[in-house]
Protein backbone atom coordinates (compact mmCIF):
# COMPACT_ATOMS: atom_id res chain seq x y z
CA MET A 1 0.00 0.00 0.00
CA GLY A 2 1.39 3.38 -0.99
CA ALA A 3 2.02 6.31 1.31
CA LEU A 4 -0.87 8.32 -0.18
CA GLN A 5 -3.41 5.54 0.38
CA SER A 6 -2.12 5.00 3.91
CA TYR A 7 -2.55 8.71 4.63
CA ARG A 8 -6.09 8.69 3.23
CA LEU A 9 -7.06 5.77 5.47
CA ARG A 10 -5.68 7.57 8.53
CA VAL A 11 -7.75 10.62 7.61
CA GLN A 12 -10.82 8.45 7.16
CA ARG A 13 -10.29 6.78 10.55
CA ARG A 14 -10.07 10.17 12.25
CA ARG A 15 -13.26 11.19 10.48
CA TRP A 16 -15.15 8.09 11.69
CA ARG A 17 -13.92 8.66 15.23
CA LEU A 18 -14.96 12.32 15.13
CA ARG A 19 -18.35 11.33 13.75
CA ALA A 20 -18.80 8.82 16.60
CA PHE A 21 -17.86 11.51 19.13
CA ARG A 22 -20.58 13.78 17.74
CA LYS A 23 -23.17 10.99 17.65
CA ARG A 24 -22.74 10.43 21.39
CA ARG A 25 -25.30 13.21 21.86
CA GLU A 26 -28.00 10.94 20.45
CA LEU A 27 -27.54 8.41 23.27
CA GLN A 28 -29.44 8.67 26.53
CA SER A 29 -28.01 6.66 29.41
CA ILE A 30 -30.64 4.40 30.97
CA ALA A 31 -28.49 2.13 33.14
CA ASP A 32 -24.84 3.01 33.65
CA ARG A 33 -22.95 0.25 35.42
CA THR A 34 -19.63 0.94 33.72
CA LYS A 35 -17.90 1.53 37.06
CA SER A 36 -18.21 -2.20 37.72
CA VAL A 37 -16.03 -3.01 34.67
CA ARG A 38 -12.61 -4.24 35.76
CA ARG A 39 -9.31 -4.35 33.96
CA GLY A 40 -9.17 -7.38 31.68
CA ASP A 41 -12.94 -7.89 31.52
CA ILE A 42 -14.32 -9.20 28.23
CA LEU A 43 -17.04 -6.90 26.88
CA VAL A 44 -19.95 -7.30 24.45
CA PHE A 45 -21.35 -4.38 22.43
CA SER A 46 -24.66 -4.59 20.61
CA THR A 47 -27.45 -2.50 19.07
CA LEU A 48 -31.03 -3.74 19.04
CA ARG A 49 -34.63 -2.93 18.38
CA ASN A 50 -37.54 -5.04 19.67
CA GLU A 51 -35.53 -8.13 20.59
CA ARG A 52 -37.08 -8.85 24.00
CA VAL A 53 -37.80 -12.50 23.18
CA ARG A 54 -34.16 -13.15 22.21
CA LEU A 55 -32.42 -11.41 25.09
CA PRO A 56 -32.63 -14.03 27.88
CA TYR A 57 -30.79 -16.71 25.91
CA PHE A 58 -28.39 -14.22 24.32
CA LEU A 59 -27.26 -13.02 27.73
CA LYS A 60 -27.04 -16.55 29.10
CA TYR A 61 -24.96 -17.78 26.18
CA TYR A 62 -22.35 -15.06 26.45
CA ARG A 63 -22.28 -15.12 30.25
CA ASP A 64 -21.66 -18.87 30.10
CA ILE A 65 -18.63 -18.50 27.82
CA GLY A 66 -17.14 -15.77 29.99
CA VAL A 67 -18.34 -12.30 28.98
CA ASN A 68 -18.16 -9.92 31.95
CA HIS A 69 -20.18 -6.89 30.87
CA PHE A 70 -22.67 -5.95 28.14
CA PHE A 71 -23.10 -2.56 26.43
CA PHE A 72 -26.42 -2.13 24.60
CA VAL A 73 -27.88 0.64 22.48
CA ASP A 74 -31.66 0.29 22.25
CA ASN A 75 -32.93 2.01 19.12
CA GLY A 76 -36.54 2.79 19.96
CA SER A 77 -37.81 -0.58 21.17
CA ASN A 78 -41.45 -0.75 22.30
CA ASP A 79 -41.58 -4.42 23.30
CA GLY A 80 -39.99 -4.18 26.75
CA SER A 81 -36.39 -4.74 25.63
CA ALA A 82 -35.08 -1.63 27.39
CA GLU A 83 -36.93 -2.39 30.62
CA TYR A 84 -35.60 -5.95 30.67
CA LEU A 85 -32.01 -4.92 30.02
CA ALA A 86 -32.11 -2.12 32.58
CA ASP A 87 -32.73 -4.74 35.28
CA GLN A 88 -29.69 -6.85 34.39
CA PRO A 89 -26.75 -6.37 36.82
CA ASP A 90 -24.03 -6.76 34.17
CA VAL A 91 -25.63 -4.52 31.52
CA SER A 92 -25.07 -0.85 30.72
CA LEU A 93 -27.82 0.52 28.50
CA TRP A 94 -28.29 3.56 26.29
CA TYR A 95 -31.48 4.51 24.46
CA THR A 96 -32.03 6.50 21.27
CA GLU A 97 -34.81 7.15 18.81
CA ALA A 98 -32.39 8.70 16.31
CA GLY A 99 -32.12 7.24 12.82
CA TYR A 100 -30.29 3.93 12.62
CA LYS A 101 -29.33 4.65 9.02
CA ARG A 102 -27.97 8.11 9.85
CA ALA A 103 -25.76 6.50 12.51
CA ARG A 104 -24.23 4.31 9.78
CA PHE A 105 -26.50 1.45 10.85
CA GLY A 106 -25.47 1.78 14.49
CA VAL A 107 -21.73 1.76 13.85
CA ASP A 108 -21.30 5.35 15.05
CA TRP A 109 -23.00 4.64 18.37
CA LEU A 110 -20.94 1.54 19.09
CA ASN A 111 -17.70 3.18 17.91
CA TRP A 112 -18.31 5.88 20.52
CA LEU A 113 -19.03 3.42 23.34
CA GLN A 114 -15.94 1.39 22.45
CA MET A 115 -13.80 4.53 22.30
CA ARG A 116 -15.12 5.49 25.74
CA TYR A 117 -15.19 2.15 27.56
CA ALA A 118 -13.37 -0.63 25.66
CA ASP A 119 -9.80 0.68 25.49
CA GLY A 120 -7.48 -2.18 26.50
CA HIS A 121 -10.29 -4.75 26.62
CA TRP A 122 -11.22 -7.59 24.32
CA ALA A 123 -14.48 -6.34 22.80
CA LEU A 124 -16.99 -8.52 20.97
CA VAL A 125 -19.56 -6.81 18.71
CA VAL A 126 -22.55 -9.03 17.96
CA ASP A 127 -26.27 -8.73 17.27
CA PRO A 128 -28.82 -10.48 19.53
CA ASP A 129 -29.25 -13.22 16.90
CA GLU A 130 -25.50 -13.98 16.57
CA PHE A 131 -23.66 -16.60 18.62
CA LEU A 132 -19.88 -16.90 18.47
CA VAL A 133 -18.45 -20.39 18.03
CA TYR A 134 -14.67 -20.70 18.22
CA PRO A 135 -12.16 -23.59 18.36
CA PHE A 136 -12.57 -25.68 21.54
CA CYS A 137 -15.57 -23.60 22.65
CA ASP A 138 -17.13 -26.77 24.06
CA THR A 139 -14.30 -27.14 26.60
CA ARG A 140 -12.61 -23.73 26.87
CA PRO A 141 -14.05 -20.34 27.87
CA LEU A 142 -13.69 -17.26 25.71
CA ARG A 143 -10.88 -16.04 27.97
CA ALA A 144 -8.76 -19.02 26.94
CA LEU A 145 -9.05 -17.79 23.36
CA THR A 146 -8.27 -14.15 24.20
CA ASP A 147 -5.31 -15.20 26.40
CA TRP A 148 -3.91 -17.19 23.48
CA LEU A 149 -4.49 -14.28 21.10
CA ASP A 150 -2.67 -11.97 23.54
CA ALA A 151 0.23 -14.39 23.86
CA SER A 152 0.41 -14.63 20.06
CA SER A 153 0.28 -10.82 19.62
CA ILE A 154 -2.93 -11.15 17.60
CA LYS A 155 -5.30 -8.20 18.00
CA SER A 156 -8.32 -9.24 15.93
CA PHE A 157 -10.25 -12.48 15.40
CA SER A 158 -12.52 -13.20 12.45
CA ALA A 159 -15.74 -15.19 12.35
CA MET A 160 -17.76 -15.99 9.27
CA LEU A 161 -21.49 -15.33 9.58
CA LEU A 162 -23.27 -18.65 9.06
CA ASP A 163 -27.02 -18.40 8.42
CA MET A 164 -28.98 -21.02 10.36
CA TYR A 165 -32.52 -22.07 9.49
CA PRO A 166 -35.13 -24.75 10.29
CA LYS A 167 -36.12 -27.69 8.14
CA GLY A 168 -39.46 -26.68 6.68
CA ARG A 169 -41.27 -23.38 7.09
CA ILE A 170 -39.39 -20.85 9.18
CA ASP A 171 -42.65 -19.98 10.97
CA ALA A 172 -43.66 -23.55 11.77
CA GLU A 173 -42.34 -23.66 15.34
CA PRO A 174 -42.77 -20.71 17.71
CA TYR A 175 -39.65 -19.50 19.47
CA GLN A 176 -39.95 -19.03 23.23
CA ALA A 177 -37.98 -16.56 25.38
CA GLY A 178 -34.97 -18.27 26.94
CA GLN A 179 -34.92 -21.09 24.39
CA ASP A 180 -31.75 -21.98 22.50
CA PRO A 181 -32.62 -20.87 18.94
CA LEU A 182 -30.48 -23.69 17.57
CA GLU A 183 -33.12 -26.12 18.78
CA ILE A 184 -35.21 -24.77 15.90
CA ALA A 185 -32.78 -23.24 13.40
CA ASN A 186 -30.14 -25.97 13.22
CA TRP A 187 -29.47 -26.35 9.48
CA PHE A 188 -27.02 -24.46 7.28
CA ASP A 189 -25.42 -24.36 3.82
CA SER A 190 -22.06 -26.10 3.96
CA GLY A 191 -20.91 -24.82 0.57
CA ASN A 192 -21.75 -22.26 -2.18
CA TYR A 193 -19.60 -19.46 -0.72
CA THR A 194 -17.39 -17.04 -2.65
CA ILE A 195 -14.42 -15.10 -1.29
CA THR A 196 -12.78 -12.00 -2.74
CA LYS A 197 -10.30 -9.52 -1.33
CA ASN A 198 -11.06 -5.87 -0.72
CA LYS A 199 -7.94 -4.15 -2.04
CA ARG A 200 -8.51 -0.89 -0.19
CA PHE A 201 -9.07 -2.26 3.31
CA GLY A 202 -7.36 -5.63 2.92
CA ASN A 203 -10.28 -7.63 4.34
CA LEU A 204 -11.90 -10.65 2.76
CA TRP A 205 -15.43 -10.34 1.34
CA ILE A 206 -17.55 -13.48 1.69
CA GLN A 207 -20.97 -14.02 0.14
CA GLY A 208 -23.24 -16.99 -0.39
CA GLY A 209 -25.30 -19.30 1.79
CA PRO A 210 -29.09 -19.47 1.90
CA ARG A 211 -29.65 -15.72 1.61
CA GLN A 212 -27.84 -15.63 -1.73
CA ARG A 213 -29.33 -18.96 -2.84
CA VAL A 214 -32.94 -18.06 -2.01
CA PHE A 215 -33.23 -14.27 -2.02
CA PHE A 216 -30.60 -13.18 -4.58
CA PRO A 217 -30.23 -16.09 -7.02
CA ASP A 218 -30.17 -13.78 -10.05
CA LYS A 219 -28.17 -10.97 -8.40
CA PRO A 220 -25.57 -12.73 -6.23
CA ALA A 221 -23.45 -9.59 -5.91
CA LYS A 222 -26.28 -7.99 -3.89
CA ALA A 223 -26.29 -10.78 -1.32
CA PRO A 224 -25.28 -9.76 2.22
CA ALA A 225 -21.63 -9.93 3.25
CA LEU A 226 -20.78 -12.79 5.62
CA ASN A 227 -17.25 -11.76 6.62
CA LYS A 228 -16.96 -10.38 10.16
CA ILE A 229 -14.19 -9.33 12.54
CA PRO A 230 -16.26 -9.20 15.73
CA LEU A 231 -13.58 -9.77 18.39
CA VAL A 232 -10.87 -7.11 18.79
CA LYS A 233 -8.38 -6.12 21.49
CA TRP A 234 -9.69 -2.58 21.43
CA ASP A 235 -7.75 0.63 21.33
CA ARG A 236 -9.54 3.99 21.48
CA LYS A 237 -7.87 4.91 18.18
CA TYR A 238 -9.63 2.08 16.32
CA ALA A 239 -12.89 2.43 14.38
CA TYR A 240 -15.22 0.06 12.58
CA VAL A 241 -15.92 1.18 9.02
CA SER A 242 -18.88 -0.96 7.96
CA SER A 243 -20.67 -3.05 10.58
CA THR A 244 -17.98 -5.50 11.75
CA HIS A 245 -16.99 -6.32 8.18
CA MET A 246 -13.86 -4.17 8.34
CA LEU A 247 -12.13 -1.67 10.56
CA LEU A 248 -9.21 0.69 10.75
CA PRO A 249 -6.23 0.59 11.12
CA ARG A 250 -6.09 -1.59 8.04
CA GLY A 251 -3.79 -4.20 9.61
CA LEU A 252 -6.63 -5.41 11.85
CA ASN A 253 -8.37 -6.78 8.75
CA LEU A 254 -5.51 -9.19 7.94
CA VAL A 255 -7.11 -12.11 9.76
CA TYR A 256 -6.04 -14.67 7.13
CA ASP A 257 -2.76 -16.16 5.92
CA GLU A 258 -1.79 -15.16 2.38
CA TRP A 259 1.02 -17.75 2.20
CA GLY A 260 -1.04 -20.94 2.28
CA GLY A 261 -1.36 -21.46 6.03
CA GLU A 262 -4.38 -21.02 8.26
CA LYS A 263 -5.06 -18.52 11.01
CA ALA A 264 -7.47 -19.32 13.80
CA SER A 265 -11.01 -18.19 13.09
CA GLY A 266 -14.53 -18.74 14.32
CA VAL A 267 -18.12 -18.70 13.14
CA LEU A 268 -21.07 -16.54 14.11
CA LEU A 269 -24.14 -18.75 14.11
CA HIS A 270 -26.79 -16.40 12.72
CA THR A 271 -30.25 -17.37 14.00
CA LYS A 272 -32.26 -14.68 12.22
CA PHE A 273 -34.65 -17.14 10.58
CA LEU A 274 -37.16 -18.04 13.30
CA ASP A 275 -40.93 -17.57 13.34
CA THR A 276 -40.37 -13.97 14.48
CA PHE A 277 -38.60 -13.08 11.25
CA THR A 278 -41.55 -12.37 8.95
CA ALA A 279 -42.94 -9.66 11.23
CA LYS A 280 -39.44 -8.31 11.83
CA ALA A 281 -38.76 -8.09 8.09
CA ALA A 282 -42.05 -6.28 7.49
CA GLU A 283 -41.25 -3.77 10.25
CA GLU A 284 -37.75 -3.07 8.94
CA LEU A 285 -39.01 -2.74 5.38
CA GLU A 286 -41.48 -0.10 6.54
CA ARG A 287 -38.83 1.77 8.57
CA LYS A 288 -36.36 1.87 5.63
CA GLN A 289 -33.41 2.16 7.99
CA HIS A 290 -31.18 -0.50 6.43
CA TYR A 291 -28.45 -0.55 3.81
CA ALA A 292 -29.13 0.26 0.12
CA ALA A 293 -32.73 1.39 0.64
CA SER A 294 -33.47 -1.86 2.51
CA VAL A 295 -33.03 -3.91 -0.66
CA GLU A 296 -32.26 -6.96 1.48
CA TYR A 297 -35.58 -6.69 3.33
CA LYS A 298 -37.48 -6.15 0.09
CA ALA A 299 -36.08 -9.47 -1.14
CA TYR A 300 -37.05 -11.16 2.13
CA ALA A 301 -40.63 -9.91 1.99
CA GLU A 302 -41.17 -10.81 -1.66
CA THR A 303 -39.68 -14.30 -1.42
CA LEU A 304 -41.05 -15.41 1.94
CA GLU A 305 -44.59 -14.49 0.93
CA GLU A 306 -44.42 -17.20 -1.72
CA ASN A 307 -42.27 -19.81 0.02
CA PRO A 308 -41.13 -19.37 3.65
CA GLU A 309 -38.54 -22.16 3.48
CA LEU A 310 -34.73 -22.05 3.23
CA TRP A 311 -33.99 -25.75 3.67
CA CYS A 312 -32.94 -27.74 0.59
CA LYS A 313 -31.61 -31.23 -0.10
CA TRP A 314 -28.01 -30.00 0.24
CA SER A 315 -28.57 -28.49 3.70
CA GLU A 316 -26.48 -29.86 6.56
CA LYS A 317 -27.53 -30.20 10.19
CA TYR A 318 -25.34 -28.45 12.75
CA ILE A 319 -23.43 -30.64 15.23
CA ASN A 320 -20.53 -28.68 16.71
CA TRP A 321 -17.49 -26.52 15.95
CA ARG A 322 -15.42 -29.50 14.84
CA GLN A 323 -17.90 -30.12 12.04
CA LEU A 324 -17.45 -26.52 10.90
CA GLU A 325 -13.67 -26.93 10.97
CA ILE A 326 -13.86 -30.08 8.82
CA LEU A 327 -16.03 -28.20 6.33
CA GLY A 328 -13.46 -25.39 6.16
CA LEU A 329 -15.78 -22.75 7.61
CA MET A 330 -13.47 -22.07 10.57
CA SER A 331 -9.98 -23.00 11.70
CA LYS A 332 -8.09 -23.56 14.94
CA GLY A 333 -4.85 -22.50 13.22
CA ASN A 334 -1.94 -23.30 15.50
CA TRP A 335 -3.99 -23.06 18.69
CA ALA A 336 -3.80 -26.50 20.23
């Protein structure tokens, strides 16, 4: 990368950080328990809207693997999400009714909270329907992974977004609060993924899976990106650029080995496709607060009205992380 491009990326990073600083005014503190955060704590950051039914299991899952504190931005929920989170002893909560789209789809809000509270911590940015699976997660807590990353001088950890779905109609079985969503949405596409490299930011760009197969079969380039870098040893000078797809400084995006080896990586099990999804998609389509004029949600609404199924004869049922490693969807690298 040339000196001019490097300079432009530094300028862009400063601009994103300044934008996040300004956007802090849109956030109203509802429950501030940040004084309880201790040095070395592992933190989760998340934005949400009307996810009350998902929150009990989401919190349990990440508490069980070793997360110490949660930072939430509630964007105008009216289903009791904010009230539920405000009662949780390990949650700090902010509320806003400002435009999600005008905050770069929530990135500005979380960039600010990470600048303010995550410096020196391992920070995990996930949505309430995303569950991180990493090598040895069945026997080792998340801190074992972050300790190994620290010892290896690795500052960022990638995880491919893997869309999970039920066999049959996605609305056939109602999801209950506190239930493991993988009891219902436990199938996935094991292949049909494409990978390209973003020359400007150096990150990989992954597309495919059931959302490309079902919703964008004729326009695969419009399918959602599945590459994520959700776990980062945060520094207040860092900034996410687009969701958790890429961030600056550019070197944090080099989560792969260009010389034929493998770096450790994980998977985010994406449990969007439950019986709650149809109503959620209709709401988000009406709000028009998502990327590219909500083209993704337009595709959801049009397709699911005709056939609310994602399962096909090539679908594979989820077992564990080792299965994902065998399929090449994640890697333990040299972490033994």
